[in-house]
Amino acid sequence: MTDPDPREAGSPSERRGSDRKKLIVDVRFEGGDGTGIANTRDIGSGGLYMTTTAPLDVGVPIAMSLSIGGRSMNIRGTVVYSDPGHGVGVRFRDLDPEDEAFLTGELEA
């Protein structure tokens, strides 16, 4: 029996636990050695992808502030995918139930 090739594990979209919607909003973030402003590329109730050149490694905790549809949210997460020089995928941690309900409703509309 051979070990599976990690390159065949599937794309990030195949591994995530929630659907995402294409949406571009500004994100202020702090995590690892990076602090700054990025843009989301897509977002869902479980996480987001943000474009940034900041060096954020997989496993790094990150704090984010963003506003969608007039609602400001402060969200904590963990970097689960990194494309150095381009961006990172973030899985939300301990998402406020009201923020989760808002994201679910807003992104399904």
PDB file of N, CA and C in Angstrom:
ATOM      1  N   MET A   1       0.843  -1.175   0.000  1.00  0.00           N
ATOM      2  CA  MET A   1       0.000   0.000   0.000  1.00  0.00           C
ATOM      3  C   MET A   1       0.885   1.233   0.000  1.00  0.00           C
ATOM      4  N   THR A   2       0.539   2.229  -0.811  1.00  0.00           N
ATOM      5  CA  THR A   2       1.346   3.438  -0.879  1.00  0.00           C
ATOM      6  C   THR A   2       0.611   4.591  -0.214  1.00  0.00           C
ATOM      7  N   ASP A   3       1.392   5.539   0.281  1.00  0.00           N
ATOM      8  CA  ASP A   3       0.807   6.734   0.874  1.00  0.00           C
ATOM      9  C   ASP A   3       0.260   7.624  -0.222  1.00  0.00           C
ATOM     10  N   PRO A   4      -0.855   8.309   0.038  1.00  0.00           N
ATOM     11  CA  PRO A   4      -1.405   9.206  -0.975  1.00  0.00           C
ATOM     12  C   PRO A   4      -0.480  10.381  -1.226  1.00  0.00           C
ATOM     13  N   ASP A   5      -0.452  10.838  -2.458  1.00  0.00           N
ATOM     14  CA  ASP A   5       0.346  11.991  -2.837  1.00  0.00           C
ATOM     15  C   ASP A   5      -0.361  13.239  -2.330  1.00  0.00           C
ATOM     16  N   PRO A   6       0.299  14.082  -1.467  1.00  0.00           N
ATOM     17  CA  PRO A   6      -0.372  15.259  -0.935  1.00  0.00           C
ATOM     18  C   PRO A   6      -0.828  16.223  -2.024  1.00  0.00           C
ATOM     19  N   ARG A   7      -0.199  16.180  -3.191  1.00  0.00           N
ATOM     20  CA  ARG A   7      -0.607  17.057  -4.293  1.00  0.00           C
ATOM     21  C   ARG A   7      -1.958  16.649  -4.850  1.00  0.00           C
ATOM     22  N   GLU A   8      -2.406  15.417  -4.529  1.00  0.00           N
ATOM     23  CA  GLU A   8      -3.681  14.924  -5.012  1.00  0.00           C
ATOM     24  C   GLU A   8      -4.776  15.060  -3.959  1.00  0.00           C
ATOM     25  N   ALA A   9      -4.518  15.811  -2.893  1.00  0.00           N
ATOM     26  CA  ALA A   9      -5.469  15.928  -1.790  1.00  0.00           C
ATOM     27  C   ALA A   9      -6.678  16.764  -2.145  1.00  0.00           C
ATOM     28  N   GLY A  10      -6.656  17.429  -3.270  1.00  0.00           N
ATOM     29  CA  GLY A  10      -7.793  18.259  -3.666  1.00  0.00           C
ATOM     30  C   GLY A  10      -7.469  19.720  -3.491  1.00  0.00           C
ATOM     31  N   SER A  11      -8.210  20.530  -4.201  1.00  0.00           N
ATOM     32  CA  SER A  11      -7.999  21.967  -4.133  1.00  0.00           C
ATOM     33  C   SER A  11      -8.565  22.496  -2.824  1.00  0.00           C
ATOM     34  N   PRO A  12      -8.181  23.737  -2.430  1.00  0.00           N
ATOM     35  CA  PRO A  12      -8.741  24.307  -1.208  1.00  0.00           C
ATOM     36  C   PRO A  12     -10.267  24.325  -1.238  1.00  0.00           C
ATOM     37  N   SER A  13     -10.867  24.569  -2.405  1.00  0.00           N
ATOM     38  CA  SER A  13     -12.328  24.613  -2.477  1.00  0.00           C
ATOM     39  C   SER A  13     -12.936  23.239  -2.210  1.00  0.00           C
ATOM     40  N   GLU A  14     -12.202  22.166  -2.519  1.00  0.00           N
ATOM     41  CA  GLU A  14     -12.718  20.832  -2.270  1.00  0.00           C
ATOM     42  C   GLU A  14     -12.560  20.429  -0.808  1.00  0.00           C
ATOM     43  N   ARG A  15     -11.658  21.079  -0.071  1.00  0.00           N
ATOM     44  CA  ARG A  15     -11.385  20.724   1.313  1.00  0.00           C
ATOM     45  C   ARG A  15     -12.188  21.539   2.307  1.00  0.00           C
ATOM     46  N   ARG A  16     -12.714  22.694   1.923  1.00  0.00           N
ATOM     47  CA  ARG A  16     -13.398  23.553   2.887  1.00  0.00           C
ATOM     48  C   ARG A  16     -14.753  22.978   3.261  1.00  0.00           C
ATOM     49  N   GLY A  17     -15.213  23.340   4.468  1.00  0.00           N
ATOM     50  CA  GLY A  17     -16.452  22.796   4.986  1.00  0.00           C
ATOM     51  C   GLY A  17     -17.680  23.634   4.683  1.00  0.00           C
ATOM     52  N   SER A  18     -17.527  24.816   4.076  1.00  0.00           N
ATOM     53  CA  SER A  18     -18.682  25.649   3.757  1.00  0.00           C
ATOM     54  C   SER A  18     -18.476  26.297   2.397  1.00  0.00           C
ATOM     55  N   ASP A  19     -19.581  26.608   1.755  1.00  0.00           N
ATOM     56  CA  ASP A  19     -19.509  27.273   0.459  1.00  0.00           C
ATOM     57  C   ASP A  19     -19.049  28.708   0.638  1.00  0.00           C
ATOM     58  N   ARG A  20     -18.426  29.221  -0.388  1.00  0.00           N
ATOM     59  CA  ARG A  20     -17.994  30.620  -0.377  1.00  0.00           C
ATOM     60  C   ARG A  20     -18.560  31.343  -1.576  1.00  0.00           C
ATOM     61  N   LYS A  21     -18.671  32.656  -1.421  1.00  0.00           N
ATOM     62  CA  LYS A  21     -19.178  33.515  -2.478  1.00  0.00           C
ATOM     63  C   LYS A  21     -18.099  34.521  -2.842  1.00  0.00           C
ATOM     64  N   LYS A  22     -17.967  34.803  -4.115  1.00  0.00           N
ATOM     65  CA  LYS A  22     -17.022  35.824  -4.560  1.00  0.00           C
ATOM     66  C   LYS A  22     -17.459  37.163  -3.982  1.00  0.00           C
ATOM     67  N   LEU A  23     -16.596  37.806  -3.226  1.00  0.00           N
ATOM     68  CA  LEU A  23     -16.907  39.079  -2.606  1.00  0.00           C
ATOM     69  C   LEU A  23     -15.602  39.778  -2.274  1.00  0.00           C
ATOM     70  N   ILE A  24     -15.481  41.020  -2.689  1.00  0.00           N
ATOM     71  CA  ILE A  24     -14.265  41.779  -2.411  1.00  0.00           C
ATOM     72  C   ILE A  24     -14.584  42.885  -1.415  1.00  0.00           C
ATOM     73  N   VAL A  25     -14.002  42.779  -0.230  1.00  0.00           N
ATOM     74  CA  VAL A  25     -14.101  43.816   0.793  1.00  0.00           C
ATOM     75  C   VAL A  25     -12.731  43.968   1.443  1.00  0.00           C
ATOM     76  N   ASP A  26     -12.486  45.137   2.026  1.00  0.00           N
ATOM     77  CA  ASP A  26     -11.234  45.367   2.737  1.00  0.00           C
ATOM     78  C   ASP A  26     -11.226  44.601   4.049  1.00  0.00           C
ATOM     79  N   VAL A  27     -10.045  44.081   4.400  1.00  0.00           N
ATOM     80  CA  VAL A  27      -9.843  43.369   5.659  1.00  0.00           C
ATOM     81  C   VAL A  27      -8.608  43.954   6.327  1.00  0.00           C
ATOM     82  N   ARG A  28      -8.761  44.424   7.546  1.00  0.00           N
ATOM     83  CA  ARG A  28      -7.599  44.810   8.361  1.00  0.00           C
ATOM     84  C   ARG A  28      -7.223  43.554   9.145  1.00  0.00           C
ATOM     85  N   PHE A  29      -5.936  43.230   9.153  1.00  0.00           N
ATOM     86  CA  PHE A  29      -5.542  41.986   9.808  1.00  0.00           C
ATOM     87  C   PHE A  29      -4.249  42.145  10.594  1.00  0.00           C
ATOM     88  N   GLU A  30      -4.107  41.264  11.586  1.00  0.00           N
ATOM     89  CA  GLU A  30      -2.879  41.108  12.360  1.00  0.00           C
ATOM     90  C   GLU A  30      -2.672  39.618  12.561  1.00  0.00           C
ATOM     91  N   GLY A  31      -1.461  39.158  12.264  1.00  0.00           N
ATOM     92  CA  GLY A  31      -1.160  37.750  12.459  1.00  0.00           C
ATOM     93  C   GLY A  31       0.281  37.462  12.118  1.00  0.00           C
ATOM     94  N   GLY A  32       0.914  36.609  12.903  1.00  0.00           N
ATOM     95  CA  GLY A  32       2.326  36.320  12.674  1.00  0.00           C
ATOM     96  C   GLY A  32       3.114  37.608  12.700  1.00  0.00           C
ATOM     97  N   ASP A  33       3.936  37.820  11.683  1.00  0.00           N
ATOM     98  CA  ASP A  33       4.702  39.059  11.566  1.00  0.00           C
ATOM     99  C   ASP A  33       4.011  40.053  10.645  1.00  0.00           C
ATOM    100  N   GLY A  34       2.780  39.743  10.219  1.00  0.00           N
ATOM    101  CA  GLY A  34       2.087  40.601   9.260  1.00  0.00           C
ATOM    102  C   GLY A  34       0.971  41.408   9.883  1.00  0.00           C
ATOM    103  N   THR A  35       0.895  42.652   9.485  1.00  0.00           N
ATOM    104  CA  THR A  35      -0.196  43.548   9.860  1.00  0.00           C
ATOM    105  C   THR A  35      -0.480  44.400   8.646  1.00  0.00           C
ATOM    106  N   GLY A  36      -1.755  44.604   8.327  1.00  0.00           N
ATOM    107  CA  GLY A  36      -2.031  45.449   7.187  1.00  0.00           C
ATOM    108  C   GLY A  36      -3.467  45.392   6.749  1.00  0.00           C
ATOM    109  N   ILE A  37      -3.663  45.813   5.516  1.00  0.00           N
ATOM    110  CA  ILE A  37      -4.978  45.793   4.895  1.00  0.00           C
ATOM    111  C   ILE A  37      -4.890  44.908   3.658  1.00  0.00           C
ATOM    112  N   ALA A  38      -5.850  44.029   3.526  1.00  0.00           N
ATOM    113  CA  ALA A  38      -5.919  43.116   2.378  1.00  0.00           C
ATOM    114  C   ALA A  38      -7.325  43.203   1.800  1.00  0.00           C
ATOM    115  N   ASN A  39      -7.567  42.435   0.755  1.00  0.00           N
ATOM    116  CA  ASN A  39      -8.893  42.319   0.170  1.00  0.00           C
ATOM    117  C   ASN A  39      -9.307  40.860   0.184  1.00  0.00           C
ATOM    118  N   THR A  40     -10.581  40.615   0.472  1.00  0.00           N
ATOM    119  CA  THR A  40     -11.075  39.260   0.324  1.00  0.00           C
ATOM    120  C   THR A  40     -11.225  38.967  -1.165  1.00  0.00           C
ATOM    121  N   ARG A  41     -11.141  37.727  -1.508  1.00  0.00           N
ATOM    122  CA  ARG A  41     -11.462  37.274  -2.867  1.00  0.00           C
ATOM    123  C   ARG A  41     -12.774  36.501  -2.837  1.00  0.00           C
ATOM    124  N   ASP A  42     -12.928  35.720  -1.762  1.00  0.00           N
ATOM    125  CA  ASP A  42     -14.183  35.030  -1.524  1.00  0.00           C
ATOM    126  C   ASP A  42     -14.339  34.830  -0.027  1.00  0.00           C
ATOM    127  N   ILE A  43     -15.587  34.635   0.389  1.00  0.00           N
ATOM    128  CA  ILE A  43     -15.875  34.517   1.814  1.00  0.00           C
ATOM    129  C   ILE A  43     -17.091  33.625   2.007  1.00  0.00           C
ATOM    130  N   GLY A  44     -17.119  32.916   3.115  1.00  0.00           N
ATOM    131  CA  GLY A  44     -18.248  32.080   3.494  1.00  0.00           C
ATOM    132  C   GLY A  44     -18.393  32.102   4.997  1.00  0.00           C
ATOM    133  N   SER A  45     -19.335  31.356   5.516  1.00  0.00           N
ATOM    134  CA  SER A  45     -19.544  31.354   6.959  1.00  0.00           C
ATOM    135  C   SER A  45     -18.426  30.609   7.699  1.00  0.00           C
ATOM    136  N   GLY A  46     -17.594  29.873   6.966  1.00  0.00           N
ATOM    137  CA  GLY A  46     -16.508  29.131   7.606  1.00  0.00           C
ATOM    138  C   GLY A  46     -15.132  29.724   7.419  1.00  0.00           C
ATOM    139  N   GLY A  47     -14.994  30.682   6.470  1.00  0.00           N
ATOM    140  CA  GLY A  47     -13.680  31.243   6.243  1.00  0.00           C
ATOM    141  C   GLY A  47     -13.653  32.158   5.039  1.00  0.00           C
ATOM    142  N   LEU A  48     -12.432  32.573   4.688  1.00  0.00           N
ATOM    143  CA  LEU A  48     -12.262  33.479   3.561  1.00  0.00           C
ATOM    144  C   LEU A  48     -10.891  33.290   2.943  1.00  0.00           C
ATOM    145  N   TYR A  49     -10.743  33.820   1.753  1.00  0.00           N
ATOM    146  CA  TYR A  49      -9.435  33.920   1.111  1.00  0.00           C
ATOM    147  C   TYR A  49      -9.169  35.404   0.971  1.00  0.00           C
ATOM    148  N   MET A  50      -7.976  35.832   1.402  1.00  0.00           N
ATOM    149  CA  MET A  50      -7.628  37.246   1.243  1.00  0.00           C
ATOM    150  C   MET A  50      -6.310  37.372   0.503  1.00  0.00           C
ATOM    151  N   THR A  51      -6.259  38.379  -0.360  1.00  0.00           N
ATOM    152  CA  THR A  51      -5.049  38.644  -1.121  1.00  0.00           C
ATOM    153  C   THR A  51      -4.136  39.520  -0.281  1.00  0.00           C
ATOM    154  N   THR A  52      -2.904  39.073  -0.103  1.00  0.00           N
ATOM    155  CA  THR A  52      -1.908  39.817   0.650  1.00  0.00           C
ATOM    156  C   THR A  52      -0.524  39.288   0.297  1.00  0.00           C
ATOM    157  N   THR A  53       0.442  40.161   0.361  1.00  0.00           N
ATOM    158  CA  THR A  53       1.829  39.732   0.161  1.00  0.00           C
ATOM    159  C   THR A  53       2.518  39.489   1.498  1.00  0.00           C
ATOM    160  N   ALA A  54       1.799  39.723   2.605  1.00  0.00           N
ATOM    161  CA  ALA A  54       2.371  39.491   3.938  1.00  0.00           C
ATOM    162  C   ALA A  54       2.700  38.003   4.092  1.00  0.00           C
ATOM    163  N   PRO A  55       3.832  37.701   4.708  1.00  0.00           N
ATOM    164  CA  PRO A  55       4.223  36.299   4.902  1.00  0.00           C
ATOM    165  C   PRO A  55       3.445  35.678   6.066  1.00  0.00           C
ATOM    166  N   LEU A  56       2.371  34.967   5.764  1.00  0.00           N
ATOM    167  CA  LEU A  56       1.551  34.311   6.780  1.00  0.00           C
ATOM    168  C   LEU A  56       1.583  32.810   6.529  1.00  0.00           C
ATOM    169  N   ASP A  57       2.183  32.079   7.440  1.00  0.00           N
ATOM    170  CA  ASP A  57       2.333  30.637   7.278  1.00  0.00           C
ATOM    171  C   ASP A  57       1.102  29.883   7.747  1.00  0.00           C
ATOM    172  N   VAL A  58       0.914  28.680   7.231  1.00  0.00           N
ATOM    173  CA  VAL A  58      -0.164  27.812   7.663  1.00  0.00           C
ATOM    174  C   VAL A  58      -0.046  27.585   9.167  1.00  0.00           C
ATOM    175  N   GLY A  59      -1.174  27.691   9.864  1.00  0.00           N
ATOM    176  CA  GLY A  59      -1.206  27.490  11.310  1.00  0.00           C
ATOM    177  C   GLY A  59      -1.152  28.775  12.118  1.00  0.00           C
ATOM    178  N   VAL A  60      -0.845  29.894  11.465  1.00  0.00           N
ATOM    179  CA  VAL A  60      -0.727  31.174  12.167  1.00  0.00           C
ATOM    180  C   VAL A  60      -2.117  31.684  12.545  1.00  0.00           C
ATOM    181  N   PRO A  61      -2.316  32.044  13.827  1.00  0.00           N
ATOM    182  CA  PRO A  61      -3.573  32.677  14.209  1.00  0.00           C
ATOM    183  C   PRO A  61      -3.629  34.090  13.634  1.00  0.00           C
ATOM    184  N   ILE A  62      -4.816  34.540  13.275  1.00  0.00           N
ATOM    185  CA  ILE A  62      -4.957  35.850  12.653  1.00  0.00           C
ATOM    186  C   ILE A  62      -6.228  36.515  13.185  1.00  0.00           C
ATOM    187  N   ALA A  63      -6.149  37.822  13.421  1.00  0.00           N
ATOM    188  CA  ALA A  63      -7.308  38.618  13.831  1.00  0.00           C
ATOM    189  C   ALA A  63      -7.648  39.540  12.669  1.00  0.00           C
ATOM    190  N   MET A  64      -8.948  39.595  12.326  1.00  0.00           N
ATOM    191  CA  MET A  64      -9.378  40.378  11.167  1.00  0.00           C
ATOM    192  C   MET A  64     -10.557  41.268  11.543  1.00  0.00           C
ATOM    193  N   SER A  65     -10.617  42.431  10.895  1.00  0.00           N
ATOM    194  CA  SER A  65     -11.763  43.339  11.004  1.00  0.00           C
ATOM    195  C   SER A  65     -12.240  43.614   9.595  1.00  0.00           C
ATOM    196  N   LEU A  66     -13.547  43.462   9.359  1.00  0.00           N
ATOM    197  CA  LEU A  66     -14.096  43.735   8.042  1.00  0.00           C
ATOM    198  C   LEU A  66     -15.536  44.196   8.172  1.00  0.00           C
ATOM    199  N   SER A  67     -16.033  44.783   7.108  1.00  0.00           N
ATOM    200  CA  SER A  67     -17.401  45.271   7.080  1.00  0.00           C
ATOM    201  C   SER A  67     -18.083  44.770   5.815  1.00  0.00           C
ATOM    202  N   ILE A  68     -19.263  44.154   5.998  1.00  0.00           N
ATOM    203  CA  ILE A  68     -20.046  43.645   4.874  1.00  0.00           C
ATOM    204  C   ILE A  68     -21.480  44.135   5.065  1.00  0.00           C
ATOM    205  N   GLY A  69     -22.014  44.758   4.050  1.00  0.00           N
ATOM    206  CA  GLY A  69     -23.398  45.208   4.105  1.00  0.00           C
ATOM    207  C   GLY A  69     -23.686  46.105   5.294  1.00  0.00           C
ATOM    208  N   GLY A  70     -22.726  46.955   5.679  1.00  0.00           N
ATOM    209  CA  GLY A  70     -22.913  47.860   6.800  1.00  0.00           C
ATOM    210  C   GLY A  70     -22.671  47.231   8.162  1.00  0.00           C
ATOM    211  N   ARG A  71     -22.353  45.942   8.219  1.00  0.00           N
ATOM    212  CA  ARG A  71     -22.097  45.262   9.492  1.00  0.00           C
ATOM    213  C   ARG A  71     -20.586  45.104   9.675  1.00  0.00           C
ATOM    214  N   SER A  72     -20.061  45.656  10.769  1.00  0.00           N
ATOM    215  CA  SER A  72     -18.638  45.507  11.097  1.00  0.00           C
ATOM    216  C   SER A  72     -18.451  44.248  11.932  1.00  0.00           C
ATOM    217  N   MET A  73     -17.414  43.497  11.590  1.00  0.00           N
ATOM    218  CA  MET A  73     -17.141  42.254  12.310  1.00  0.00           C
ATOM    219  C   MET A  73     -15.664  42.160  12.669  1.00  0.00           C
ATOM    220  N   ASN A  74     -15.405  41.664  13.869  1.00  0.00           N
ATOM    221  CA  ASN A  74     -14.055  41.327  14.303  1.00  0.00           C
ATOM    222  C   ASN A  74     -14.015  39.814  14.410  1.00  0.00           C
ATOM    223  N   ILE A  75     -13.163  39.210  13.589  1.00  0.00           N
ATOM    224  CA  ILE A  75     -13.159  37.757  13.457  1.00  0.00           C
ATOM    225  C   ILE A  75     -11.758  37.218  13.687  1.00  0.00           C
ATOM    226  N   ARG A  76     -11.692  36.126  14.445  1.00  0.00           N
ATOM    227  CA  ARG A  76     -10.422  35.417  14.621  1.00  0.00           C
ATOM    228  C   ARG A  76     -10.412  34.196  13.719  1.00  0.00           C
ATOM    229  N   GLY A  77      -9.231  33.826  13.276  1.00  0.00           N
ATOM    230  CA  GLY A  77      -9.115  32.663  12.418  1.00  0.00           C
ATOM    231  C   GLY A  77      -7.726  32.070  12.457  1.00  0.00           C
ATOM    232  N   THR A  78      -7.537  31.075  11.620  1.00  0.00           N
ATOM    233  CA  THR A  78      -6.246  30.401  11.482  1.00  0.00           C
ATOM    234  C   THR A  78      -5.960  30.246   9.995  1.00  0.00           C
ATOM    235  N   VAL A  79      -4.734  30.557   9.602  1.00  0.00           N
ATOM    236  CA  VAL A  79      -4.332  30.376   8.208  1.00  0.00           C
ATOM    237  C   VAL A  79      -4.269  28.877   7.928  1.00  0.00           C
ATOM    238  N   VAL A  80      -5.023  28.430   6.925  1.00  0.00           N
ATOM    239  CA  VAL A  80      -5.055  27.008   6.569  1.00  0.00           C
ATOM    240  C   VAL A  80      -4.488  26.748   5.177  1.00  0.00           C
ATOM    241  N   TYR A  81      -4.243  27.809   4.434  1.00  0.00           N
ATOM    242  CA  TYR A  81      -3.670  27.690   3.086  1.00  0.00           C
ATOM    243  C   TYR A  81      -2.866  28.948   2.823  1.00  0.00           C
ATOM    244  N   SER A  82      -1.663  28.787   2.296  1.00  0.00           N
ATOM    245  CA  SER A  82      -0.824  29.944   1.999  1.00  0.00           C
ATOM    246  C   SER A  82      -0.262  29.839   0.591  1.00  0.00           C
ATOM    247  N   ASP A  83      -0.406  30.922  -0.161  1.00  0.00           N
ATOM    248  CA  ASP A  83       0.178  31.050  -1.488  1.00  0.00           C
ATOM    249  C   ASP A  83       1.091  32.275  -1.397  1.00  0.00           C
ATOM    250  N   PRO A  84       2.343  32.078  -0.940  1.00  0.00           N
ATOM    251  CA  PRO A  84       3.236  33.203  -0.654  1.00  0.00           C
ATOM    252  C   PRO A  84       3.298  34.234  -1.777  1.00  0.00           C
ATOM    253  N   GLY A  85       3.155  35.492  -1.361  1.00  0.00           N
ATOM    254  CA  GLY A  85       3.194  36.590  -2.303  1.00  0.00           C
ATOM    255  C   GLY A  85       1.858  36.891  -2.953  1.00  0.00           C
ATOM    256  N   HIS A  86       0.859  36.017  -2.711  1.00  0.00           N
ATOM    257  CA  HIS A  86      -0.455  36.183  -3.345  1.00  0.00           C
ATOM    258  C   HIS A  86      -1.592  36.288  -2.333  1.00  0.00           C
ATOM    259  N   GLY A  87      -1.636  35.373  -1.376  1.00  0.00           N
ATOM    260  CA  GLY A  87      -2.716  35.418  -0.413  1.00  0.00           C
ATOM    261  C   GLY A  87      -2.781  34.185   0.462  1.00  0.00           C
ATOM    262  N   VAL A  88      -3.810  34.164   1.326  1.00  0.00           N
ATOM    263  CA  VAL A  88      -3.984  33.066   2.273  1.00  0.00           C
ATOM    264  C   VAL A  88      -5.456  32.705   2.416  1.00  0.00           C
ATOM    265  N   GLY A  89      -5.697  31.449   2.712  1.00  0.00           N
ATOM    266  CA  GLY A  89      -7.025  30.978   3.087  1.00  0.00           C
ATOM    267  C   GLY A  89      -7.087  30.928   4.598  1.00  0.00           C
ATOM    268  N   VAL A  90      -8.181  31.435   5.153  1.00  0.00           N
ATOM    269  CA  VAL A  90      -8.336  31.507   6.607  1.00  0.00           C
ATOM    270  C   VAL A  90      -9.617  30.791   7.010  1.00  0.00           C
ATOM    271  N   ARG A  91      -9.510  29.919   8.013  1.00  0.00           N
ATOM    272  CA  ARG A  91     -10.688  29.271   8.598  1.00  0.00           C
ATOM    273  C   ARG A  91     -11.042  30.053   9.853  1.00  0.00           C
ATOM    274  N   PHE A  92     -12.316  30.450   9.968  1.00  0.00           N
ATOM    275  CA  PHE A  92     -12.751  31.203  11.133  1.00  0.00           C
ATOM    276  C   PHE A  92     -12.712  30.318  12.377  1.00  0.00           C
ATOM    277  N   ARG A  93     -12.412  30.959  13.523  1.00  0.00           N
ATOM    278  CA  ARG A  93     -12.412  30.283  14.828  1.00  0.00           C
ATOM    279  C   ARG A  93     -13.366  31.024  15.743  1.00  0.00           C
ATOM    280  N   ASP A  94     -14.177  30.297  16.455  1.00  0.00           N
ATOM    281  CA  ASP A  94     -15.064  30.882  17.466  1.00  0.00           C
ATOM    282  C   ASP A  94     -15.858  32.055  16.902  1.00  0.00           C
ATOM    283  N   LEU A  95     -16.418  31.875  15.708  1.00  0.00           N
ATOM    284  CA  LEU A  95     -17.197  32.923  15.059  1.00  0.00           C
ATOM    285  C   LEU A  95     -18.449  33.213  15.886  1.00  0.00           C
ATOM    286  N   ASP A  96     -18.686  34.480  16.150  1.00  0.00           N
ATOM    287  CA  ASP A  96     -19.879  34.898  16.874  1.00  0.00           C
ATOM    288  C   ASP A  96     -21.109  34.342  16.145  1.00  0.00           C
ATOM    289  N   PRO A  97     -22.051  33.717  16.855  1.00  0.00           N
ATOM    290  CA  PRO A  97     -23.226  33.141  16.188  1.00  0.00           C
ATOM    291  C   PRO A  97     -24.004  34.165  15.359  1.00  0.00           C
ATOM    292  N   GLU A  98     -24.075  35.409  15.814  1.00  0.00           N
ATOM    293  CA  GLU A  98     -24.782  36.440  15.043  1.00  0.00           C
ATOM    294  C   GLU A  98     -24.036  36.759  13.749  1.00  0.00           C
ATOM    295  N   ASP A  99     -22.694  36.801  13.819  1.00  0.00           N
ATOM    296  CA  ASP A  99     -21.906  37.040  12.604  1.00  0.00           C
ATOM    297  C   ASP A  99     -22.051  35.874  11.635  1.00  0.00           C
ATOM    298  N   GLU A 100     -22.061  34.647  12.176  1.00  0.00           N
ATOM    299  CA  GLU A 100     -22.224  33.467  11.315  1.00  0.00           C
ATOM    300  C   GLU A 100     -23.586  33.487  10.627  1.00  0.00           C
ATOM    301  N   ALA A 101     -24.636  33.805  11.379  1.00  0.00           N
ATOM    302  CA  ALA A 101     -25.978  33.867  10.803  1.00  0.00           C
ATOM    303  C   ALA A 101     -26.045  34.965   9.740  1.00  0.00           C
ATOM    304  N   PHE A 102     -25.411  36.117  10.013  1.00  0.00           N
ATOM    305  CA  PHE A 102     -25.394  37.204   9.052  1.00  0.00           C
ATOM    306  C   PHE A 102     -24.682  36.783   7.777  1.00  0.00           C
ATOM    307  N   LEU A 103     -23.491  36.189   7.926  1.00  0.00           N
ATOM    308  CA  LEU A 103     -22.730  35.757   6.746  1.00  0.00           C
ATOM    309  C   LEU A 103     -23.515  34.725   5.937  1.00  0.00           C
ATOM    310  N   THR A 104     -24.123  33.787   6.622  1.00  0.00           N
ATOM    311  CA  THR A 104     -24.892  32.762   5.925  1.00  0.00           C
ATOM    312  C   THR A 104     -26.040  33.402   5.145  1.00  0.00           C
ATOM    313  N   GLY A 105     -26.783  34.297   5.777  1.00  0.00           N
ATOM    314  CA  GLY A 105     -27.903  34.952   5.112  1.00  0.00           C
ATOM    315  C   GLY A 105     -27.466  35.902   4.016  1.00  0.00           C
ATOM    316  N   GLU A 106     -26.425  36.681   4.274  1.00  0.00           N
ATOM    317  CA  GLU A 106     -25.943  37.667   3.307  1.00  0.00           C
ATOM    318  C   GLU A 106     -25.369  36.996   2.068  1.00  0.00           C
ATOM    319  N   LEU A 107     -24.678  35.906   2.263  1.00  0.00           N
ATOM    320  CA  LEU A 107     -23.998  35.279   1.133  1.00  0.00           C
ATOM    321  C   LEU A 107     -24.915  34.365   0.335  1.00  0.00           C
ATOM    322  N   GLU A 108     -26.049  33.979   0.903  1.00  0.00           N
ATOM    323  CA  GLU A 108     -27.000  33.162   0.158  1.00  0.00           C
ATOM    324  C   GLU A 108     -27.929  34.038  -0.672  1.00  0.00           C
ATOM    325  N   ALA A 109     -28.002  35.324  -0.334  1.00  0.00           N
ATOM    326  CA  ALA A 109     -28.914  36.249  -1.045  1.00  0.00           C
ATOM    327  C   ALA A 109     -28.484  36.499  -2.459  1.00  0.00           C
TER     328      ALA A 109
END
